Amino acid sequence: MVAQVQNWSRVRMMVAVAAFAIAVLSQPASAQKKSKEDLNTRAVQGTVVDSSDKLVPGAVVQLKDMRTLNIRSFIVQSDGAYHFTGLKADVDYQLKAVFQGAESGWKTLSVFDDRKTAIINLKLEKK
């Protein structure tokens, strides 16, 4: 009976050690995945101004993924700034701003633009 208890104690100890080893060894893989994601993503930011170069809080900036044609929107902050993060480096994007009947027209963020954070300022013009 004592031998069986000792065997179960050994089995439990081996299971605990194996679980700990798996937990420790799996962390570097997730860290490598994160750094690989960082290499394949980028961001874009900028400001929106009107025809007299005044900042336009409340304007809506649209970001179009030219591969999927999905559109994301950002409402410009009180400082006139917008930003989009997590953009794929191998996809072209188009951006435009709209506000109370004025719009900027589309600007392109190309795959050939290798900046990690591109700056694209948008100027609104009345239609």
N, C-alpha and C. Protein backbone atom coordinates (compact mmCIF):
# COMPACT_ATOMS: atom_id res chain seq x y z
N MET A 1 0.82 -1.19 0.00
CA MET A 1 0.00 0.00 0.00
C MET A 1 0.86 1.26 0.00
N VAL A 2 1.92 1.26 0.80
CA VAL A 2 2.83 2.40 0.86
C VAL A 2 3.51 2.60 -0.49
N ALA A 3 3.82 1.51 -1.19
CA ALA A 3 4.46 1.60 -2.50
C ALA A 3 3.52 2.25 -3.51
N GLN A 4 2.22 1.93 -3.44
CA GLN A 4 1.26 2.53 -4.35
C GLN A 4 1.15 4.04 -4.12
N VAL A 5 1.14 4.47 -2.87
CA VAL A 5 1.06 5.89 -2.54
C VAL A 5 2.29 6.60 -3.06
N GLN A 6 3.47 5.98 -2.90
CA GLN A 6 4.71 6.59 -3.40
C GLN A 6 4.68 6.69 -4.93
N ASN A 7 4.17 5.65 -5.61
CA ASN A 7 4.07 5.69 -7.06
C ASN A 7 3.14 6.82 -7.52
N TRP A 8 1.98 6.98 -6.87
CA TRP A 8 1.06 8.06 -7.23
C TRP A 8 1.69 9.43 -6.98
N SER A 9 2.47 9.54 -5.93
CA SER A 9 3.15 10.81 -5.65
C SER A 9 4.15 11.12 -6.75
N ARG A 10 4.86 10.11 -7.21
CA ARG A 10 5.81 10.31 -8.31
C ARG A 10 5.09 10.71 -9.59
N VAL A 11 3.97 10.05 -9.88
CA VAL A 11 3.20 10.36 -11.09
C VAL A 11 2.71 11.80 -11.03
N ARG A 12 2.16 12.22 -9.89
CA ARG A 12 1.69 13.60 -9.74
C ARG A 12 2.83 14.59 -9.92
N MET A 13 3.98 14.28 -9.36
CA MET A 13 5.14 15.16 -9.46
C MET A 13 5.59 15.26 -10.93
N MET A 14 5.59 14.14 -11.65
CA MET A 14 6.01 14.16 -13.05
C MET A 14 5.02 14.96 -13.90
N VAL A 15 3.73 14.83 -13.62
CA VAL A 15 2.71 15.59 -14.35
C VAL A 15 2.89 17.08 -14.08
N ALA A 16 3.14 17.44 -12.83
CA ALA A 16 3.33 18.85 -12.49
C ALA A 16 4.57 19.42 -13.18
N VAL A 17 5.66 18.67 -13.20
CA VAL A 17 6.89 19.12 -13.86
C VAL A 17 6.66 19.26 -15.37
N ALA A 18 5.95 18.31 -15.96
CA ALA A 18 5.67 18.37 -17.40
C ALA A 18 4.80 19.57 -17.73
N ALA A 19 3.78 19.84 -16.94
CA ALA A 19 2.91 21.00 -17.18
C ALA A 19 3.70 22.30 -17.05
N PHE A 20 4.57 22.39 -16.06
CA PHE A 20 5.41 23.57 -15.89
C PHE A 20 6.34 23.76 -17.10
N ALA A 21 6.96 22.67 -17.55
CA ALA A 21 7.87 22.75 -18.70
C ALA A 21 7.13 23.21 -19.96
N ILE A 22 5.94 22.71 -20.18
CA ILE A 22 5.15 23.11 -21.35
C ILE A 22 4.82 24.59 -21.27
N ALA A 23 4.43 25.05 -20.09
CA ALA A 23 4.09 26.47 -19.93
C ALA A 23 5.29 27.37 -20.20
N VAL A 24 6.44 26.98 -19.69
CA VAL A 24 7.65 27.79 -19.88
C VAL A 24 8.11 27.76 -21.33
N LEU A 25 8.09 26.62 -21.95
CA LEU A 25 8.59 26.50 -23.32
C LEU A 25 7.65 27.12 -24.35
N SER A 26 6.38 27.27 -24.03
CA SER A 26 5.45 27.85 -25.00
C SER A 26 5.54 29.37 -25.05
N GLN A 27 6.08 30.02 -24.04
CA GLN A 27 6.16 31.48 -24.02
C GLN A 27 7.05 32.05 -25.12
N PRO A 28 8.23 31.53 -25.39
CA PRO A 28 9.04 32.12 -26.47
C PRO A 28 8.36 32.05 -27.83
N ALA A 29 7.56 31.02 -28.08
CA ALA A 29 6.87 30.92 -29.36
C ALA A 29 5.87 32.05 -29.51
N SER A 30 5.15 32.38 -28.46
CA SER A 30 4.19 33.48 -28.56
C SER A 30 4.91 34.81 -28.69
N ALA A 31 6.06 34.96 -28.06
CA ALA A 31 6.84 36.20 -28.20
C ALA A 31 7.36 36.34 -29.63
N GLN A 32 7.77 35.22 -30.24
CA GLN A 32 8.23 35.27 -31.63
C GLN A 32 7.08 35.63 -32.55
N LYS A 33 5.89 35.12 -32.28
CA LYS A 33 4.73 35.43 -33.11
C LYS A 33 4.42 36.92 -33.02
N LYS A 34 4.51 37.48 -31.82
CA LYS A 34 4.24 38.90 -31.63
C LYS A 34 5.22 39.75 -32.42
N SER A 35 6.52 39.42 -32.36
CA SER A 35 7.50 40.23 -33.08
C SER A 35 7.32 40.07 -34.59
N LYS A 36 6.90 38.89 -35.05
CA LYS A 36 6.65 38.70 -36.47
C LYS A 36 5.45 39.54 -36.92
N GLU A 37 4.41 39.61 -36.06
CA GLU A 37 3.26 40.45 -36.37
C GLU A 37 3.68 41.91 -36.47
N ASP A 38 4.55 42.34 -35.57
CA ASP A 38 5.01 43.73 -35.58
C ASP A 38 5.73 44.06 -36.88
N LEU A 39 6.47 43.10 -37.44
CA LEU A 39 7.18 43.33 -38.70
C LEU A 39 6.22 43.45 -39.88
N ASN A 40 5.06 42.85 -39.78
CA ASN A 40 4.12 42.83 -40.90
C ASN A 40 2.98 43.83 -40.75
N THR A 41 3.05 44.69 -39.75
CA THR A 41 2.00 45.69 -39.58
C THR A 41 2.60 47.09 -39.58
N ARG A 42 1.73 48.05 -39.81
CA ARG A 42 2.14 49.45 -39.82
C ARG A 42 0.95 50.29 -39.36
N ALA A 43 1.17 51.58 -39.30
CA ALA A 43 0.13 52.51 -38.86
C ALA A 43 0.14 53.73 -39.77
N VAL A 44 -0.96 54.47 -39.74
CA VAL A 44 -1.03 55.74 -40.45
C VAL A 44 -1.69 56.74 -39.51
N GLN A 45 -1.21 57.96 -39.57
CA GLN A 45 -1.78 59.01 -38.73
C GLN A 45 -1.65 60.34 -39.45
N GLY A 46 -2.37 61.32 -38.96
CA GLY A 46 -2.29 62.64 -39.56
C GLY A 46 -3.30 63.57 -38.95
N THR A 47 -3.49 64.70 -39.60
CA THR A 47 -4.46 65.68 -39.15
C THR A 47 -5.41 66.00 -40.29
N VAL A 48 -6.56 66.55 -39.93
CA VAL A 48 -7.54 66.99 -40.93
C VAL A 48 -7.72 68.50 -40.75
N VAL A 49 -7.56 69.23 -41.86
CA VAL A 49 -7.74 70.68 -41.84
C VAL A 49 -8.75 71.08 -42.90
N ASP A 50 -9.34 72.28 -42.72
CA ASP A 50 -10.26 72.79 -43.72
C ASP A 50 -9.50 73.62 -44.75
N SER A 51 -10.22 74.27 -45.66
CA SER A 51 -9.56 75.01 -46.74
C SER A 51 -8.76 76.20 -46.24
N SER A 52 -9.01 76.65 -45.00
CA SER A 52 -8.21 77.74 -44.43
C SER A 52 -7.18 77.22 -43.43
N ASP A 53 -6.86 75.93 -43.53
CA ASP A 53 -5.84 75.26 -42.72
C ASP A 53 -6.15 75.23 -41.22
N LYS A 54 -7.42 75.29 -40.84
CA LYS A 54 -7.82 75.15 -39.44
C LYS A 54 -8.14 73.68 -39.18
N LEU A 55 -7.74 73.18 -38.00
CA LEU A 55 -8.03 71.80 -37.62
C LEU A 55 -9.53 71.58 -37.56
N VAL A 56 -9.96 70.36 -37.91
CA VAL A 56 -11.38 70.04 -37.99
C VAL A 56 -11.72 68.86 -37.08
N PRO A 57 -11.91 69.13 -35.76
CA PRO A 57 -12.35 68.04 -34.90
C PRO A 57 -13.76 67.60 -35.29
N GLY A 58 -14.03 66.31 -35.19
CA GLY A 58 -15.34 65.79 -35.55
C GLY A 58 -15.45 65.30 -36.98
N ALA A 59 -14.45 65.60 -37.81
CA ALA A 59 -14.46 65.06 -39.17
C ALA A 59 -14.31 63.54 -39.10
N VAL A 60 -14.76 62.87 -40.13
CA VAL A 60 -14.65 61.41 -40.19
C VAL A 60 -13.62 61.04 -41.24
N VAL A 61 -12.61 60.28 -40.81
CA VAL A 61 -11.61 59.76 -41.74
C VAL A 61 -11.95 58.32 -42.05
N GLN A 62 -12.03 58.01 -43.34
CA GLN A 62 -12.33 56.65 -43.79
C GLN A 62 -11.05 56.03 -44.33
N LEU A 63 -10.81 54.78 -43.94
CA LEU A 63 -9.64 54.01 -44.40
C LEU A 63 -10.18 52.79 -45.15
N LYS A 64 -9.85 52.70 -46.45
CA LYS A 64 -10.33 51.59 -47.27
C LYS A 64 -9.19 50.63 -47.56
N ASP A 65 -9.38 49.36 -47.20
CA ASP A 65 -8.45 48.27 -47.53
C ASP A 65 -8.69 47.93 -48.99
N MET A 66 -7.70 48.14 -49.84
CA MET A 66 -7.90 47.96 -51.28
C MET A 66 -7.92 46.49 -51.70
N ARG A 67 -7.57 45.58 -50.80
CA ARG A 67 -7.68 44.16 -51.12
C ARG A 67 -9.09 43.66 -50.84
N THR A 68 -9.63 44.00 -49.66
CA THR A 68 -10.95 43.49 -49.28
C THR A 68 -12.07 44.50 -49.51
N LEU A 69 -11.70 45.76 -49.71
CA LEU A 69 -12.61 46.88 -49.86
C LEU A 69 -13.38 47.21 -48.58
N ASN A 70 -12.95 46.65 -47.44
CA ASN A 70 -13.53 47.01 -46.15
C ASN A 70 -13.14 48.44 -45.81
N ILE A 71 -14.03 49.16 -45.16
CA ILE A 71 -13.77 50.54 -44.76
C ILE A 71 -13.88 50.66 -43.25
N ARG A 72 -12.85 51.25 -42.65
CA ARG A 72 -12.85 51.57 -41.22
C ARG A 72 -12.96 53.08 -41.10
N SER A 73 -13.58 53.55 -40.03
CA SER A 73 -13.76 54.99 -39.83
C SER A 73 -13.17 55.42 -38.49
N PHE A 74 -12.75 56.67 -38.44
CA PHE A 74 -12.21 57.26 -37.22
C PHE A 74 -12.75 58.68 -37.12
N ILE A 75 -13.34 59.03 -35.99
CA ILE A 75 -13.80 60.40 -35.77
C ILE A 75 -12.63 61.20 -35.22
N VAL A 76 -12.27 62.27 -35.93
CA VAL A 76 -11.10 63.08 -35.59
C VAL A 76 -11.26 63.66 -34.18
N GLN A 77 -10.17 63.61 -33.43
CA GLN A 77 -10.17 64.07 -32.05
C GLN A 77 -10.13 65.60 -31.98
N SER A 78 -10.23 66.14 -30.76
CA SER A 78 -10.28 67.59 -30.57
C SER A 78 -9.01 68.29 -31.05
N ASP A 79 -7.89 67.55 -31.13
CA ASP A 79 -6.64 68.14 -31.63
C ASP A 79 -6.51 68.03 -33.15
N GLY A 80 -7.57 67.57 -33.82
CA GLY A 80 -7.57 67.46 -35.28
C GLY A 80 -6.87 66.23 -35.81
N ALA A 81 -6.48 65.30 -34.91
CA ALA A 81 -5.67 64.15 -35.31
C ALA A 81 -6.52 62.87 -35.46
N TYR A 82 -6.02 61.99 -36.30
CA TYR A 82 -6.59 60.65 -36.47
C TYR A 82 -5.44 59.66 -36.51
N HIS A 83 -5.75 58.39 -36.30
CA HIS A 83 -4.75 57.33 -36.44
C HIS A 83 -5.43 55.98 -36.65
N PHE A 84 -4.76 55.13 -37.41
CA PHE A 84 -5.17 53.75 -37.62
C PHE A 84 -3.94 52.88 -37.38
N THR A 85 -4.09 51.80 -36.61
CA THR A 85 -2.98 50.90 -36.34
C THR A 85 -3.32 49.49 -36.80
N GLY A 86 -2.33 48.60 -36.79
CA GLY A 86 -2.56 47.21 -37.16
C GLY A 86 -2.81 47.00 -38.64
N LEU A 87 -2.30 47.90 -39.47
CA LEU A 87 -2.50 47.77 -40.92
C LEU A 87 -1.49 46.80 -41.50
N LYS A 88 -1.92 45.98 -42.44
CA LYS A 88 -1.02 45.02 -43.07
C LYS A 88 -0.04 45.75 -44.00
N ALA A 89 1.21 45.36 -43.93
CA ALA A 89 2.25 46.01 -44.73
C ALA A 89 2.13 45.65 -46.22
N ASP A 90 1.47 44.55 -46.54
CA ASP A 90 1.38 44.12 -47.94
C ASP A 90 0.04 44.47 -48.60
N VAL A 91 -0.63 45.49 -48.06
CA VAL A 91 -1.92 45.92 -48.60
C VAL A 91 -1.88 47.43 -48.83
N ASP A 92 -2.42 47.87 -49.98
CA ASP A 92 -2.61 49.30 -50.22
C ASP A 92 -3.86 49.76 -49.48
N TYR A 93 -3.83 51.00 -49.00
CA TYR A 93 -4.98 51.58 -48.33
C TYR A 93 -5.26 52.95 -48.95
N GLN A 94 -6.53 53.34 -48.94
CA GLN A 94 -6.90 54.69 -49.34
C GLN A 94 -7.58 55.37 -48.16
N LEU A 95 -7.32 56.67 -48.02
CA LEU A 95 -7.90 57.45 -46.93
C LEU A 95 -8.57 58.69 -47.49
N LYS A 96 -9.65 59.09 -46.83
CA LYS A 96 -10.26 60.39 -47.14
C LYS A 96 -10.99 60.88 -45.90
N ALA A 97 -11.16 62.20 -45.82
CA ALA A 97 -11.87 62.81 -44.71
C ALA A 97 -13.14 63.47 -45.25
N VAL A 98 -14.20 63.43 -44.45
CA VAL A 98 -15.45 64.12 -44.79
C VAL A 98 -15.96 64.86 -43.56
N PHE A 99 -16.58 66.04 -43.82
CA PHE A 99 -17.16 66.81 -42.72
C PHE A 99 -18.10 67.85 -43.30
N GLN A 100 -19.36 67.78 -42.93
CA GLN A 100 -20.38 68.75 -43.30
C GLN A 100 -20.35 69.14 -44.79
N GLY A 101 -20.35 68.15 -45.64
CA GLY A 101 -20.41 68.38 -47.08
C GLY A 101 -19.06 68.60 -47.75
N ALA A 102 -18.00 68.75 -46.99
CA ALA A 102 -16.65 68.91 -47.56
C ALA A 102 -15.93 67.57 -47.48
N GLU A 103 -15.04 67.33 -48.40
CA GLU A 103 -14.23 66.11 -48.35
C GLU A 103 -12.84 66.36 -48.92
N SER A 104 -11.94 65.45 -48.58
CA SER A 104 -10.54 65.64 -48.97
C SER A 104 -10.18 64.98 -50.29
N GLY A 105 -10.95 64.05 -50.74
CA GLY A 105 -10.52 63.20 -51.86
C GLY A 105 -9.64 62.09 -51.31
N TRP A 106 -9.50 61.04 -52.07
CA TRP A 106 -8.76 59.86 -51.61
C TRP A 106 -7.25 60.08 -51.71
N LYS A 107 -6.52 59.68 -50.68
CA LYS A 107 -5.05 59.63 -50.66
C LYS A 107 -4.66 58.17 -50.48
N THR A 108 -3.55 57.76 -51.08
CA THR A 108 -3.14 56.35 -51.04
C THR A 108 -1.95 56.12 -50.12
N LEU A 109 -2.06 55.08 -49.30
CA LEU A 109 -0.93 54.55 -48.54
C LEU A 109 -0.52 53.27 -49.25
N SER A 110 0.60 53.33 -49.96
CA SER A 110 1.03 52.24 -50.83
C SER A 110 1.85 51.19 -50.10
N VAL A 111 1.86 49.98 -50.64
CA VAL A 111 2.72 48.93 -50.10
C VAL A 111 4.19 49.30 -50.26
N PHE A 112 4.49 50.21 -51.16
CA PHE A 112 5.88 50.63 -51.38
C PHE A 112 6.34 51.67 -50.36
N ASP A 113 5.41 52.18 -49.56
CA ASP A 113 5.74 53.11 -48.48
C ASP A 113 6.16 52.26 -47.29
N ASP A 114 7.45 52.21 -46.99
CA ASP A 114 7.95 51.30 -45.96
C ASP A 114 8.05 51.92 -44.58
N ARG A 115 7.47 53.10 -44.38
CA ARG A 115 7.48 53.70 -43.05
C ARG A 115 6.62 52.88 -42.10
N LYS A 116 7.09 52.68 -40.89
CA LYS A 116 6.33 51.95 -39.88
C LYS A 116 5.08 52.73 -39.49
N THR A 117 5.20 54.06 -39.41
CA THR A 117 4.06 54.93 -39.15
C THR A 117 4.07 56.04 -40.20
N ALA A 118 3.19 55.91 -41.16
CA ALA A 118 3.09 56.91 -42.23
C ALA A 118 2.26 58.10 -41.73
N ILE A 119 2.60 59.27 -42.22
CA ILE A 119 1.86 60.48 -41.89
C ILE A 119 1.20 61.00 -43.16
N ILE A 120 -0.13 61.03 -43.15
CA ILE A 120 -0.89 61.54 -44.29
C ILE A 120 -1.89 62.55 -43.74
N ASN A 121 -1.63 63.83 -44.01
CA ASN A 121 -2.53 64.90 -43.61
C ASN A 121 -3.58 65.11 -44.69
N LEU A 122 -4.79 65.38 -44.29
CA LEU A 122 -5.92 65.51 -45.21
C LEU A 122 -6.50 66.92 -45.14
N LYS A 123 -6.78 67.50 -46.31
CA LYS A 123 -7.34 68.85 -46.39
C LYS A 123 -8.72 68.79 -47.02
N LEU A 124 -9.70 69.31 -46.30
CA LEU A 124 -11.08 69.31 -46.78
C LEU A 124 -11.30 70.45 -47.77
N GLU A 125 -12.04 70.15 -48.84
CA GLU A 125 -12.43 71.15 -49.84
C GLU A 125 -13.93 71.05 -50.03
N LYS A 126 -14.59 72.18 -50.18
CA LYS A 126 -16.03 72.19 -50.44
C LYS A 126 -16.28 71.61 -51.83
N LYS A 127 -17.39 70.90 -51.96
CA LYS A 127 -17.73 70.30 -53.25
C LYS A 127 -18.20 71.36 -54.22
